[in-house]
Amino acid sequence: MPRQTTKLILKAGIIAGTLDILAAIVAYGFILSKAPVIKILQSIASGIYGVKAFAGGWGMAIQGLIFHYLIAIIFAFLFYLLIKAIPLIVKFSVITGLLYGIIIWLIMNLLVLPASQVPPRSFSTRGMIEGMLILMFFVGLPISVVLSKGVRR
């Protein structure tokens, strides 16, 4: 893969990862007061380490943040592959980005999280909608816009 393409994918993943984690911290940490920042980050690490992640302090939280960015970069790479397979995506980057956010939510909630060590959570329609909206606007959309602009050049 050309170096410029790698940089573009990393840029899209880092922007989306940053927006997503900030949205989670603001929404769940501050507005809803569901969890402090450390617990939010440890919950990401729990995908690998299970409940042990919550006893791991900031070291485990940092690992959770690294996993978070890795996942965002992987989703950026997958979107890049979609653009290469379906070039028309570039023309409709906003719509495809929002749809990609829904696809990310489905992949994470139906495949990744059930296969991980994340402790089971109760399902709520509100939680589903909140999570989906965050992924649509803070992950799917930025990945699509950044990659679409970069590929057009």
Protein backbone atom coordinates (compact mmCIF):
# COMPACT_ATOMS: atom_id res chain seq x y z
CA MET A 1 0.00 0.00 0.00
CA PRO A 2 1.42 3.43 -0.88
CA ARG A 3 2.65 5.54 2.01
CA GLN A 4 0.17 8.32 1.19
CA THR A 5 -2.73 5.84 1.44
CA THR A 6 -1.47 4.56 4.79
CA LYS A 7 -1.25 8.13 6.11
CA LEU A 8 -4.78 8.86 4.88
CA ILE A 9 -6.20 5.76 6.58
CA LEU A 10 -4.35 6.57 9.81
CA LYS A 11 -5.60 10.16 9.68
CA ALA A 12 -9.22 9.04 9.20
CA GLY A 13 -8.93 6.46 12.00
CA ILE A 14 -7.29 8.85 14.45
CA ILE A 15 -9.84 11.61 13.79
CA ALA A 16 -12.75 9.18 14.14
CA GLY A 17 -11.23 7.52 17.21
CA THR A 18 -10.70 10.89 18.89
CA LEU A 19 -14.21 12.14 18.13
CA ASP A 20 -15.73 8.85 19.26
CA ILE A 21 -13.89 8.64 22.57
CA LEU A 22 -14.59 12.31 23.31
CA ALA A 23 -18.29 11.76 22.55
CA ALA A 24 -18.34 8.73 24.86
CA ILE A 25 -16.57 10.60 27.66
CA VAL A 26 -18.83 13.65 27.36
CA ALA A 27 -22.07 11.66 26.98
CA TYR A 28 -21.49 8.80 29.40
CA GLY A 29 -18.95 10.39 31.72
CA PHE A 30 -20.25 13.91 32.14
CA ILE A 31 -23.81 14.33 30.86
CA LEU A 32 -25.27 10.98 31.93
CA SER A 33 -22.79 10.40 34.79
CA LYS A 34 -22.76 6.67 34.03
CA ALA A 35 -19.00 6.16 34.40
CA PRO A 36 -15.79 8.10 35.04
CA VAL A 37 -13.25 8.36 32.22
CA ILE A 38 -11.06 5.58 33.62
CA LYS A 39 -14.00 3.13 33.64
CA ILE A 40 -14.95 4.05 30.07
CA LEU A 41 -11.41 3.29 28.91
CA GLN A 42 -11.14 0.16 31.04
CA SER A 43 -14.39 -1.09 29.53
CA ILE A 44 -12.70 -1.04 26.12
CA ALA A 45 -9.78 -3.04 27.54
CA SER A 46 -12.28 -5.50 29.00
CA GLY A 47 -12.84 -6.75 25.47
CA ILE A 48 -9.49 -8.49 25.78
CA TYR A 49 -9.03 -8.83 29.54
CA GLY A 50 -12.60 -9.27 30.77
CA VAL A 51 -13.52 -7.99 34.25
CA LYS A 52 -9.81 -7.95 35.22
CA ALA A 53 -9.52 -4.73 33.20
CA PHE A 54 -11.52 -2.83 35.82
CA ALA A 55 -8.91 -3.60 38.48
CA GLY A 56 -6.00 -2.55 36.28
CA GLY A 57 -5.94 1.18 37.01
CA TRP A 58 -4.74 3.70 34.46
CA GLY A 59 -2.40 1.18 32.83
CA MET A 60 -5.41 -0.84 31.71
CA ALA A 61 -7.25 2.36 30.73
CA ILE A 62 -4.35 3.34 28.45
CA GLN A 63 -4.45 -0.11 26.84
CA GLY A 64 -8.18 0.40 26.30
CA LEU A 65 -7.46 3.70 24.56
CA ILE A 66 -4.87 2.02 22.32
CA PHE A 67 -7.37 -0.74 21.45
CA HIS A 68 -9.96 1.95 20.74
CA TYR A 69 -7.72 3.69 18.20
CA LEU A 70 -6.73 0.38 16.65
CA ILE A 71 -10.40 -0.47 16.09
CA ALA A 72 -11.06 2.98 14.56
CA ILE A 73 -8.10 2.56 12.19
CA ILE A 74 -9.32 -0.89 11.18
CA PHE A 75 -12.75 0.56 10.36
CA ALA A 76 -11.06 3.32 8.34
CA PHE A 77 -9.09 0.68 6.42
CA LEU A 78 -12.27 -1.30 5.73
CA PHE A 79 -13.98 1.83 4.43
CA TYR A 80 -11.00 2.49 2.19
CA LEU A 81 -11.46 -1.00 0.74
CA LEU A 82 -15.14 -0.20 0.16
CA ILE A 83 -14.21 2.99 -1.70
CA LYS A 84 -11.85 1.01 -3.91
CA ALA A 85 -14.55 -1.58 -4.61
CA ILE A 86 -17.38 0.96 -5.06
CA PRO A 87 -15.90 4.29 -6.23
CA LEU A 88 -19.38 5.89 -6.28
CA ILE A 89 -19.14 6.08 -2.47
CA VAL A 90 -16.84 9.10 -2.83
CA LYS A 91 -19.60 11.08 -4.53
CA PHE A 92 -22.02 10.54 -1.62
CA SER A 93 -19.61 10.72 1.31
CA VAL A 94 -22.07 12.16 3.84
CA ILE A 95 -24.80 9.60 3.20
CA THR A 96 -22.37 6.68 2.99
CA GLY A 97 -20.59 7.86 6.12
CA LEU A 98 -23.81 7.92 8.13
CA LEU A 99 -24.76 4.49 6.78
CA TYR A 100 -21.27 3.23 7.60
CA GLY A 101 -21.80 4.33 11.20
CA ILE A 102 -24.86 2.07 11.37
CA ILE A 103 -22.86 -0.77 9.84
CA ILE A 104 -20.12 -0.22 12.44
CA TRP A 105 -22.70 -0.35 15.22
CA LEU A 106 -24.06 -3.64 13.82
CA ILE A 107 -20.59 -5.18 13.46
CA MET A 108 -19.54 -4.11 16.96
CA ASN A 109 -22.76 -5.15 18.70
CA LEU A 110 -23.58 -8.33 16.80
CA LEU A 111 -20.09 -9.70 16.13
CA VAL A 112 -17.21 -8.07 18.00
CA LEU A 113 -18.65 -7.49 21.49
CA PRO A 114 -20.34 -10.91 21.78
CA ALA A 115 -17.05 -12.58 20.78
CA SER A 116 -15.04 -10.47 23.25
CA GLN A 117 -14.58 -10.66 27.01
CA VAL A 118 -16.70 -7.53 27.62
CA PRO A 119 -19.10 -8.23 30.49
CA PRO A 120 -22.70 -8.52 29.24
CA ARG A 121 -24.75 -5.32 29.32
CA SER A 122 -28.48 -4.89 29.41
CA PHE A 123 -30.09 -3.85 26.14
CA SER A 124 -32.14 -0.69 25.84
CA THR A 125 -33.59 0.99 22.80
CA ARG A 126 -32.32 4.35 24.06
CA GLY A 127 -28.80 2.99 24.51
CA MET A 128 -28.90 1.49 21.04
CA ILE A 129 -30.00 4.79 19.48
CA GLU A 130 -27.40 6.80 21.44
CA GLY A 131 -24.62 4.40 20.46
CA MET A 132 -25.70 4.31 16.85
CA LEU A 133 -25.88 8.11 16.59
CA ILE A 134 -22.41 8.49 18.10
CA LEU A 135 -21.00 5.99 15.58
CA MET A 136 -22.85 7.60 12.67
CA PHE A 137 -21.74 11.18 13.34
CA PHE A 138 -18.41 10.72 15.11
CA VAL A 139 -16.99 7.62 13.38
CA GLY A 140 -18.69 6.77 10.08
CA LEU A 141 -19.08 10.34 8.85
CA PRO A 142 -15.51 11.52 9.58
CA ILE A 143 -14.00 8.34 8.13
CA SER A 144 -16.06 8.75 4.97
CA VAL A 145 -15.37 12.46 4.54
CA VAL A 146 -11.61 12.22 5.21
CA LEU A 147 -11.11 9.20 2.97
CA SER A 148 -13.40 10.48 0.20
CA LYS A 149 -11.56 13.82 0.05
CA GLY A 150 -8.19 12.09 0.14
CA VAL A 151 -9.07 9.57 -2.56
CA ARG A 152 -10.42 12.33 -4.84
CA ARG A 153 -7.00 14.04 -4.88
